[in-house]
Amino acid sequence: MCTRSTLHSGKLFIQNFTTALTEEDKAAAAERLSRFFEEEVKGGYLKLSYFAENLDLFLDNNYSVVIMVKGFSSPLASQEYNLALSNRRIASVLSYFRKYQNGIYSPYIQNGQLQVMTAPLGEREVRTGVSDSRYDKRSSVYSVEASMERRTDIIEVKLTKN
């Protein structure tokens, strides 16, 4: 989720990614990472927030809602670990809905009217060229390319009138 620690992470990522670069390259890389954190990380959180803000329109009107969430990871760790990370990312989305506005969606989750289905993929759909080198953390951890792989996507929402 987009928090103060996420903003701190953005600064940490910029610092670690740009350390070995020339001043000219450093500015361009810092701009790209800043844009990534602003548009993708913060933007993704805002989209999730907007979705959650409007979900009650369906639940309160007697619809059942099934949300399919895919979880992804970068290829740095083992396949098993990356699959576990994907599951944890998906669990964070479910936790977000449980805690949203002091738990307004918890009763819907408990009675099954709101469900989050999971599709943990780990590193199975990593884009070509994303580093998995433990020795090059600049590329495998702090790059925009690696960072883009560590995410969840809501891929489908099914509404059923009860």
N, C-alpha and C. Protein backbone atom coordinates (compact mmCIF):
# COMPACT_ATOMS: atom_id res chain seq x y z
N MET A 1 0.83 -1.16 0.00
CA MET A 1 0.00 0.00 0.00
C MET A 1 0.89 1.24 0.00
N CYS A 2 0.34 2.33 -0.37
CA CYS A 2 1.12 3.57 -0.47
C CYS A 2 1.15 4.25 0.90
N THR A 3 2.29 4.19 1.55
CA THR A 3 2.43 4.75 2.87
C THR A 3 3.68 5.61 2.93
N ARG A 4 3.92 6.16 4.10
CA ARG A 4 5.14 6.94 4.30
C ARG A 4 6.36 6.07 4.03
N SER A 5 6.31 4.78 4.42
CA SER A 5 7.45 3.90 4.17
C SER A 5 7.64 3.66 2.68
N THR A 6 6.55 3.68 1.90
CA THR A 6 6.67 3.55 0.45
C THR A 6 7.42 4.74 -0.12
N LEU A 7 7.09 5.93 0.37
CA LEU A 7 7.78 7.13 -0.09
C LEU A 7 9.24 7.08 0.30
N HIS A 8 9.52 6.59 1.51
CA HIS A 8 10.90 6.42 1.95
C HIS A 8 11.60 5.39 1.06
N SER A 9 10.89 4.32 0.70
CA SER A 9 11.45 3.30 -0.18
C SER A 9 11.83 3.91 -1.52
N GLY A 10 11.01 4.83 -2.03
CA GLY A 10 11.33 5.49 -3.28
C GLY A 10 12.66 6.20 -3.21
N LYS A 11 12.89 6.90 -2.11
CA LYS A 11 14.16 7.59 -1.93
C LYS A 11 15.31 6.60 -1.81
N LEU A 12 15.08 5.51 -1.08
CA LEU A 12 16.09 4.47 -0.93
C LEU A 12 16.43 3.84 -2.28
N PHE A 13 15.40 3.56 -3.07
CA PHE A 13 15.61 2.98 -4.40
C PHE A 13 16.42 3.92 -5.28
N ILE A 14 16.06 5.19 -5.25
CA ILE A 14 16.79 6.18 -6.06
C ILE A 14 18.25 6.23 -5.62
N GLN A 15 18.48 6.29 -4.33
CA GLN A 15 19.85 6.35 -3.81
C GLN A 15 20.65 5.12 -4.24
N ASN A 16 20.09 3.94 -4.06
CA ASN A 16 20.82 2.70 -4.38
C ASN A 16 20.98 2.48 -5.88
N PHE A 17 20.01 2.92 -6.66
CA PHE A 17 20.11 2.72 -8.10
C PHE A 17 21.08 3.70 -8.76
N THR A 18 21.16 4.91 -8.24
CA THR A 18 21.93 5.96 -8.92
C THR A 18 23.35 6.14 -8.41
N THR A 19 23.73 5.46 -7.34
CA THR A 19 25.04 5.67 -6.71
C THR A 19 26.21 5.63 -7.69
N ALA A 20 26.27 4.63 -8.56
CA ALA A 20 27.42 4.44 -9.43
C ALA A 20 27.33 5.24 -10.74
N LEU A 21 26.32 6.04 -10.91
CA LEU A 21 26.12 6.74 -12.18
C LEU A 21 26.79 8.11 -12.21
N THR A 22 27.01 8.59 -13.41
CA THR A 22 27.50 9.96 -13.58
C THR A 22 26.37 10.91 -13.17
N GLU A 23 26.73 12.15 -12.92
CA GLU A 23 25.71 13.13 -12.50
C GLU A 23 24.60 13.26 -13.52
N GLU A 24 24.96 13.25 -14.80
CA GLU A 24 23.95 13.37 -15.87
C GLU A 24 23.02 12.16 -15.88
N ASP A 25 23.60 10.97 -15.81
CA ASP A 25 22.78 9.76 -15.80
C ASP A 25 22.00 9.62 -14.50
N LYS A 26 22.58 10.11 -13.41
CA LYS A 26 21.94 10.04 -12.10
C LYS A 26 20.62 10.81 -12.12
N ALA A 27 20.62 11.99 -12.71
CA ALA A 27 19.41 12.82 -12.75
C ALA A 27 18.31 12.13 -13.56
N ALA A 28 18.66 11.56 -14.70
CA ALA A 28 17.66 10.88 -15.55
C ALA A 28 17.11 9.64 -14.85
N ALA A 29 17.99 8.86 -14.21
CA ALA A 29 17.55 7.66 -13.50
C ALA A 29 16.68 8.01 -12.31
N ALA A 30 17.06 9.05 -11.58
CA ALA A 30 16.26 9.48 -10.43
C ALA A 30 14.88 9.93 -10.88
N GLU A 31 14.82 10.63 -11.99
CA GLU A 31 13.53 11.08 -12.53
C GLU A 31 12.66 9.88 -12.91
N ARG A 32 13.27 8.89 -13.55
CA ARG A 32 12.51 7.69 -13.97
C ARG A 32 11.97 6.94 -12.76
N LEU A 33 12.79 6.76 -11.75
CA LEU A 33 12.33 6.07 -10.54
C LEU A 33 11.28 6.88 -9.81
N SER A 34 11.47 8.19 -9.72
CA SER A 34 10.46 9.05 -9.08
C SER A 34 9.13 8.94 -9.80
N ARG A 35 9.18 8.97 -11.11
CA ARG A 35 7.96 8.84 -11.92
C ARG A 35 7.31 7.48 -11.69
N PHE A 36 8.12 6.42 -11.60
CA PHE A 36 7.59 5.08 -11.33
C PHE A 36 6.86 5.06 -9.99
N PHE A 37 7.49 5.59 -8.95
CA PHE A 37 6.84 5.57 -7.63
C PHE A 37 5.59 6.44 -7.61
N GLU A 38 5.61 7.54 -8.31
CA GLU A 38 4.45 8.43 -8.34
C GLU A 38 3.31 7.83 -9.17
N GLU A 39 3.62 7.38 -10.38
CA GLU A 39 2.58 6.91 -11.30
C GLU A 39 2.14 5.48 -11.02
N GLU A 40 3.09 4.59 -10.82
CA GLU A 40 2.75 3.17 -10.67
C GLU A 40 2.39 2.82 -9.22
N VAL A 41 3.25 3.16 -8.28
CA VAL A 41 3.01 2.77 -6.89
C VAL A 41 1.87 3.60 -6.30
N LYS A 42 2.06 4.90 -6.29
CA LYS A 42 1.01 5.77 -5.73
C LYS A 42 -0.25 5.70 -6.60
N GLY A 43 -0.08 5.71 -7.91
CA GLY A 43 -1.23 5.62 -8.82
C GLY A 43 -2.01 4.33 -8.64
N GLY A 44 -1.30 3.22 -8.47
CA GLY A 44 -1.97 1.95 -8.23
C GLY A 44 -2.75 1.95 -6.93
N TYR A 45 -2.16 2.55 -5.90
CA TYR A 45 -2.86 2.65 -4.63
C TYR A 45 -4.12 3.50 -4.76
N LEU A 46 -4.03 4.59 -5.48
CA LEU A 46 -5.20 5.46 -5.67
C LEU A 46 -6.31 4.73 -6.43
N LYS A 47 -5.93 3.91 -7.42
CA LYS A 47 -6.94 3.13 -8.16
C LYS A 47 -7.61 2.12 -7.23
N LEU A 48 -6.82 1.45 -6.41
CA LEU A 48 -7.38 0.49 -5.45
C LEU A 48 -8.31 1.21 -4.47
N SER A 49 -7.89 2.36 -4.01
CA SER A 49 -8.70 3.14 -3.08
C SER A 49 -10.03 3.56 -3.71
N TYR A 50 -9.97 4.00 -4.95
CA TYR A 50 -11.19 4.39 -5.67
C TYR A 50 -12.11 3.19 -5.85
N PHE A 51 -11.53 2.05 -6.20
CA PHE A 51 -12.31 0.82 -6.35
C PHE A 51 -13.00 0.48 -5.03
N ALA A 52 -12.23 0.50 -3.93
CA ALA A 52 -12.78 0.16 -2.62
C ALA A 52 -13.86 1.16 -2.20
N GLU A 53 -13.65 2.41 -2.54
CA GLU A 53 -14.61 3.47 -2.20
C GLU A 53 -15.97 3.23 -2.84
N ASN A 54 -15.99 2.59 -3.99
CA ASN A 54 -17.24 2.38 -4.72
C ASN A 54 -17.79 0.96 -4.63
N LEU A 55 -17.07 0.08 -3.99
CA LEU A 55 -17.49 -1.31 -3.87
C LEU A 55 -18.80 -1.47 -3.11
N ASP A 56 -19.02 -0.63 -2.13
CA ASP A 56 -20.24 -0.73 -1.33
C ASP A 56 -21.51 -0.46 -2.15
N LEU A 57 -21.38 0.25 -3.27
CA LEU A 57 -22.54 0.48 -4.13
C LEU A 57 -23.15 -0.84 -4.60
N PHE A 58 -22.30 -1.82 -4.83
CA PHE A 58 -22.78 -3.13 -5.27
C PHE A 58 -23.17 -4.01 -4.09
N LEU A 59 -22.33 -4.02 -3.08
CA LEU A 59 -22.60 -4.89 -1.93
C LEU A 59 -23.89 -4.48 -1.21
N ASP A 60 -24.10 -3.18 -1.06
CA ASP A 60 -25.31 -2.69 -0.39
C ASP A 60 -26.57 -2.90 -1.23
N ASN A 61 -26.40 -3.15 -2.52
CA ASN A 61 -27.54 -3.41 -3.40
C ASN A 61 -27.69 -4.88 -3.72
N ASN A 62 -27.20 -5.71 -2.79
CA ASN A 62 -27.40 -7.15 -2.83
C ASN A 62 -26.71 -7.86 -4.00
N TYR A 63 -25.54 -7.39 -4.37
CA TYR A 63 -24.70 -8.09 -5.33
C TYR A 63 -23.63 -8.86 -4.58
N SER A 64 -23.29 -10.01 -5.10
CA SER A 64 -22.09 -10.71 -4.65
C SER A 64 -20.96 -10.26 -5.56
N VAL A 65 -19.78 -10.07 -4.99
CA VAL A 65 -18.64 -9.58 -5.74
C VAL A 65 -17.48 -10.55 -5.55
N VAL A 66 -16.94 -11.02 -6.66
CA VAL A 66 -15.75 -11.87 -6.64
C VAL A 66 -14.65 -11.11 -7.37
N ILE A 67 -13.55 -10.88 -6.66
CA ILE A 67 -12.42 -10.14 -7.21
C ILE A 67 -11.28 -11.13 -7.44
N MET A 68 -10.79 -11.22 -8.67
CA MET A 68 -9.66 -12.09 -8.98
C MET A 68 -8.39 -11.24 -8.97
N VAL A 69 -7.44 -11.65 -8.13
CA VAL A 69 -6.20 -10.90 -7.97
C VAL A 69 -5.03 -11.79 -8.35
N LYS A 70 -4.19 -11.28 -9.24
CA LYS A 70 -2.94 -11.96 -9.60
C LYS A 70 -1.81 -11.34 -8.80
N GLY A 71 -0.92 -12.17 -8.31
CA GLY A 71 0.25 -11.70 -7.59
C GLY A 71 1.51 -12.05 -8.37
N PHE A 72 2.45 -11.13 -8.38
CA PHE A 72 3.68 -11.29 -9.16
C PHE A 72 4.89 -11.03 -8.26
N SER A 73 6.05 -11.46 -8.74
CA SER A 73 7.30 -11.14 -8.06
C SER A 73 8.41 -11.02 -9.10
N SER A 74 9.47 -10.36 -8.69
CA SER A 74 10.66 -10.32 -9.54
C SER A 74 11.38 -11.66 -9.40
N PRO A 75 12.31 -11.96 -10.30
CA PRO A 75 12.91 -13.29 -10.32
C PRO A 75 14.12 -13.47 -9.40
N LEU A 76 14.37 -12.57 -8.47
CA LEU A 76 15.60 -12.62 -7.68
C LEU A 76 15.73 -13.89 -6.83
N ALA A 77 14.68 -14.28 -6.16
CA ALA A 77 14.75 -15.43 -5.24
C ALA A 77 14.33 -16.72 -5.95
N SER A 78 14.21 -17.79 -5.17
CA SER A 78 13.80 -19.09 -5.75
C SER A 78 12.33 -19.03 -6.18
N GLN A 79 11.94 -19.95 -7.04
CA GLN A 79 10.55 -20.00 -7.51
C GLN A 79 9.59 -20.19 -6.35
N GLU A 80 9.94 -21.03 -5.40
CA GLU A 80 9.06 -21.29 -4.25
C GLU A 80 8.88 -20.03 -3.41
N TYR A 81 9.97 -19.35 -3.16
CA TYR A 81 9.91 -18.13 -2.37
C TYR A 81 9.10 -17.06 -3.10
N ASN A 82 9.32 -16.94 -4.40
CA ASN A 82 8.59 -15.94 -5.19
C ASN A 82 7.10 -16.24 -5.22
N LEU A 83 6.75 -17.50 -5.25
CA LEU A 83 5.34 -17.87 -5.18
C LEU A 83 4.75 -17.47 -3.82
N ALA A 84 5.51 -17.70 -2.76
CA ALA A 84 5.06 -17.29 -1.42
C ALA A 84 4.91 -15.77 -1.35
N LEU A 85 5.84 -15.03 -1.95
CA LEU A 85 5.72 -13.57 -1.99
C LEU A 85 4.46 -13.13 -2.73
N SER A 86 4.17 -13.79 -3.82
CA SER A 86 2.96 -13.47 -4.58
C SER A 86 1.73 -13.68 -3.73
N ASN A 87 1.70 -14.77 -2.98
CA ASN A 87 0.57 -15.04 -2.09
C ASN A 87 0.47 -13.98 -0.99
N ARG A 88 1.60 -13.53 -0.46
CA ARG A 88 1.59 -12.48 0.57
C ARG A 88 1.08 -11.17 0.00
N ARG A 89 1.45 -10.87 -1.22
CA ARG A 89 0.96 -9.63 -1.85
C ARG A 89 -0.56 -9.69 -2.02
N ILE A 90 -1.06 -10.83 -2.44
CA ILE A 90 -2.51 -10.99 -2.59
C ILE A 90 -3.19 -10.90 -1.23
N ALA A 91 -2.59 -11.49 -0.21
CA ALA A 91 -3.15 -11.41 1.15
C ALA A 91 -3.22 -9.96 1.62
N SER A 92 -2.28 -9.14 1.18
CA SER A 92 -2.30 -7.72 1.53
C SER A 92 -3.51 -7.01 0.93
N VAL A 93 -3.90 -7.41 -0.27
CA VAL A 93 -5.08 -6.82 -0.90
C VAL A 93 -6.34 -7.22 -0.10
N LEU A 94 -6.44 -8.49 0.26
CA LEU A 94 -7.58 -8.93 1.06
C LEU A 94 -7.60 -8.20 2.41
N SER A 95 -6.45 -8.06 3.02
CA SER A 95 -6.34 -7.33 4.28
C SER A 95 -6.78 -5.87 4.12
N TYR A 96 -6.43 -5.28 3.00
CA TYR A 96 -6.84 -3.90 2.72
C TYR A 96 -8.37 -3.80 2.74
N PHE A 97 -9.05 -4.74 2.07
CA PHE A 97 -10.51 -4.72 2.06
C PHE A 97 -11.08 -4.98 3.45
N ARG A 98 -10.45 -5.88 4.21
CA ARG A 98 -10.93 -6.16 5.57
C ARG A 98 -10.84 -4.93 6.47
N LYS A 99 -9.78 -4.16 6.31
CA LYS A 99 -9.54 -3.01 7.19
C LYS A 99 -10.09 -1.70 6.64
N TYR A 100 -10.53 -1.70 5.40
CA TYR A 100 -10.97 -0.46 4.75
C TYR A 100 -12.07 0.21 5.58
N GLN A 101 -11.90 1.49 5.84
CA GLN A 101 -12.83 2.31 6.62
C GLN A 101 -13.35 1.58 7.85
N ASN A 102 -12.40 1.21 8.68
CA ASN A 102 -12.72 0.54 9.95
C ASN A 102 -13.49 -0.76 9.77
N GLY A 103 -13.23 -1.44 8.68
CA GLY A 103 -13.79 -2.78 8.51
C GLY A 103 -15.18 -2.85 7.90
N ILE A 104 -15.58 -1.86 7.09
CA ILE A 104 -16.95 -1.89 6.55
C ILE A 104 -17.18 -3.10 5.64
N TYR A 105 -16.12 -3.67 5.08
CA TYR A 105 -16.29 -4.82 4.19
C TYR A 105 -16.11 -6.16 4.88
N SER A 106 -15.68 -6.16 6.13
CA SER A 106 -15.47 -7.42 6.85
C SER A 106 -16.71 -8.30 6.92
N PRO A 107 -17.89 -7.74 7.22
CA PRO A 107 -19.08 -8.60 7.25
C PRO A 107 -19.37 -9.25 5.89
N TYR A 108 -19.11 -8.53 4.81
CA TYR A 108 -19.34 -9.07 3.47
C TYR A 108 -18.34 -10.19 3.15
N ILE A 109 -17.12 -10.03 3.64
CA ILE A 109 -16.10 -11.08 3.45
C ILE A 109 -16.49 -12.30 4.27
N GLN A 110 -16.91 -12.08 5.51
CA GLN A 110 -17.27 -13.18 6.40
C GLN A 110 -18.48 -13.97 5.88
N ASN A 111 -19.47 -13.27 5.29
CA ASN A 111 -20.64 -14.00 4.81
C ASN A 111 -20.50 -14.47 3.36
N GLY A 112 -19.36 -14.20 2.75
CA GLY A 112 -19.08 -14.69 1.39
C GLY A 112 -19.61 -13.82 0.28
N GLN A 113 -20.24 -12.71 0.61
CA GLN A 113 -20.76 -11.82 -0.43
C GLN A 113 -19.62 -11.11 -1.17
N LEU A 114 -18.50 -10.92 -0.49
CA LEU A 114 -17.29 -10.37 -1.10
C LEU A 114 -16.19 -11.41 -0.98
N GLN A 115 -15.66 -11.83 -2.12
CA GLN A 115 -14.60 -12.83 -2.14
C GLN A 115 -13.42 -12.33 -2.95
N VAL A 116 -12.24 -12.68 -2.49
CA VAL A 116 -11.02 -12.40 -3.24
C VAL A 116 -10.43 -13.74 -3.64
N MET A 117 -10.41 -14.00 -4.93
CA MET A 117 -9.83 -15.23 -5.47
C MET A 117 -8.38 -14.93 -5.86
N THR A 118 -7.52 -15.92 -5.74
CA THR A 118 -6.10 -15.67 -5.93
C THR A 118 -5.54 -16.40 -7.15
N ALA A 119 -4.57 -15.75 -7.75
CA ALA A 119 -3.80 -16.35 -8.84
C ALA A 119 -2.34 -15.96 -8.62
N PRO A 120 -1.66 -16.65 -7.68
CA PRO A 120 -0.26 -16.32 -7.42
C PRO A 120 0.62 -16.87 -8.55
N LEU A 121 1.36 -16.00 -9.18
CA LEU A 121 2.18 -16.43 -10.30
C LEU A 121 3.67 -16.45 -9.99
N GLY A 122 4.06 -15.80 -8.90
CA GLY A 122 5.48 -15.73 -8.62
C GLY A 122 6.19 -15.05 -9.77
N GLU A 123 7.22 -15.69 -10.26
CA GLU A 123 8.03 -15.12 -11.34
C GLU A 123 7.67 -15.70 -12.71
N ARG A 124 6.58 -16.44 -12.82
CA ARG A 124 6.25 -17.12 -14.07
C ARG A 124 5.99 -16.20 -15.25
N GLU A 125 5.58 -14.97 -15.01
CA GLU A 125 5.29 -14.05 -16.11
C GLU A 125 6.21 -12.84 -16.11
N VAL A 126 7.43 -13.02 -15.65
CA VAL A 126 8.39 -11.91 -15.61
C VAL A 126 8.74 -11.49 -17.03
N ARG A 127 8.79 -10.19 -17.23
CA ARG A 127 9.15 -9.65 -18.54
C ARG A 127 10.59 -10.01 -18.88
N THR A 128 10.86 -10.17 -20.14
CA THR A 128 12.20 -10.48 -20.61
C THR A 128 13.17 -9.36 -20.22
N GLY A 129 14.34 -9.76 -19.78
CA GLY A 129 15.39 -8.79 -19.48
C GLY A 129 15.46 -8.33 -18.03
N VAL A 130 14.57 -8.81 -17.18
CA VAL A 130 14.61 -8.42 -15.77
C VAL A 130 15.68 -9.27 -15.08
N SER A 131 16.60 -8.61 -14.43
CA SER A 131 17.74 -9.28 -13.80
C SER A 131 17.32 -10.13 -12.61
N ASP A 132 17.97 -11.30 -12.49
CA ASP A 132 17.78 -12.14 -11.31
C ASP A 132 19.10 -12.35 -10.58
N SER A 133 20.07 -11.48 -10.82
CA SER A 133 21.41 -11.62 -10.25
C SER A 133 21.47 -11.13 -8.82
N ARG A 134 21.87 -12.01 -7.91
CA ARG A 134 22.07 -11.63 -6.52
C ARG A 134 23.27 -10.69 -6.37
N TYR A 135 24.13 -10.70 -7.36
CA TYR A 135 25.36 -9.89 -7.32
C TYR A 135 25.18 -8.51 -7.92
N ASP A 136 24.04 -8.28 -8.55
CA ASP A 136 23.75 -6.98 -9.17
C ASP A 136 22.42 -6.47 -8.63
N LYS A 137 22.39 -6.13 -7.36
CA LYS A 137 21.14 -5.68 -6.73
C LYS A 137 20.63 -4.39 -7.34
N ARG A 138 21.53 -3.60 -7.89
CA ARG A 138 21.11 -2.38 -8.56
C ARG A 138 20.07 -2.71 -9.63
N SER A 139 20.33 -3.74 -10.41
CA SER A 139 19.40 -4.12 -11.49
C SER A 139 18.30 -5.06 -11.01
N SER A 140 18.63 -5.99 -10.12
CA SER A 140 17.66 -7.02 -9.74
C SER A 140 16.71 -6.59 -8.62
N VAL A 141 17.05 -5.52 -7.90
CA VAL A 141 16.20 -5.06 -6.81
C VAL A 141 15.70 -3.63 -7.06
N TYR A 142 16.63 -2.72 -7.37
CA TYR A 142 16.31 -1.29 -7.38
C TYR A 142 15.90 -0.71 -8.72
N SER A 143 15.99 -1.47 -9.79
CA SER A 143 15.62 -0.93 -11.10
C SER A 143 14.11 -0.84 -11.25
N VAL A 144 13.67 0.02 -12.13
CA VAL A 144 12.25 0.12 -12.44
C VAL A 144 11.75 -1.20 -12.99
N GLU A 145 12.54 -1.83 -13.84
CA GLU A 145 12.12 -3.09 -14.46
C GLU A 145 11.84 -4.17 -13.41
N ALA A 146 12.74 -4.33 -12.44
CA ALA A 146 12.52 -5.32 -11.38
C ALA A 146 11.36 -4.90 -10.48
N SER A 147 11.28 -3.61 -10.19
CA SER A 147 10.21 -3.11 -9.32
C SER A 147 8.83 -3.32 -9.93
N MET A 148 8.73 -3.21 -11.23
CA MET A 148 7.44 -3.39 -11.90
C MET A 148 6.91 -4.81 -11.77
N GLU A 149 7.80 -5.75 -11.51
CA GLU A 149 7.39 -7.15 -11.38
C GLU A 149 6.81 -7.47 -10.01
N ARG A 150 7.06 -6.64 -9.03
CA ARG A 150 6.58 -6.88 -7.66
C ARG A 150 5.27 -6.13 -7.47
N ARG A 151 4.16 -6.84 -7.76
CA ARG A 151 2.87 -6.16 -7.76
C ARG A 151 1.73 -7.16 -7.63
N THR A 152 0.54 -6.61 -7.46
CA THR A 152 -0.70 -7.37 -7.61
C THR A 152 -1.55 -6.63 -8.63
N ASP A 153 -2.33 -7.38 -9.37
CA ASP A 153 -3.26 -6.81 -10.34
C ASP A 153 -4.64 -7.40 -10.10
N ILE A 154 -5.65 -6.54 -10.04
CA ILE A 154 -7.03 -7.03 -10.07
C ILE A 154 -7.33 -7.27 -11.54
N ILE A 155 -7.53 -8.52 -11.89
CA ILE A 155 -7.69 -8.87 -13.30
C ILE A 155 -9.14 -9.10 -13.70
N GLU A 156 -9.99 -9.29 -12.70
CA GLU A 156 -11.39 -9.55 -13.03
C GLU A 156 -12.26 -9.26 -11.82
N VAL A 157 -13.44 -8.74 -12.08
CA VAL A 157 -14.43 -8.52 -11.03
C VAL A 157 -15.74 -9.11 -11.56
N LYS A 158 -16.30 -10.06 -10.83
CA LYS A 158 -17.57 -10.66 -11.21
C LYS A 158 -18.65 -10.19 -10.25
N LEU A 159 -19.74 -9.71 -10.82
CA LEU A 159 -20.88 -9.26 -10.04
C LEU A 159 -22.04 -10.20 -10.31
N THR A 160 -22.68 -10.65 -9.23
CA THR A 160 -23.84 -11.51 -9.34
C THR A 160 -24.95 -10.94 -8.46
N LYS A 161 -26.10 -10.70 -9.06
CA LYS A 161 -27.24 -10.19 -8.28
C LYS A 161 -27.81 -11.33 -7.46
N ASN A 162 -27.95 -11.12 -6.14
CA ASN A 162 -28.49 -12.15 -5.25
C ASN A 162 -30.00 -12.13 -5.26
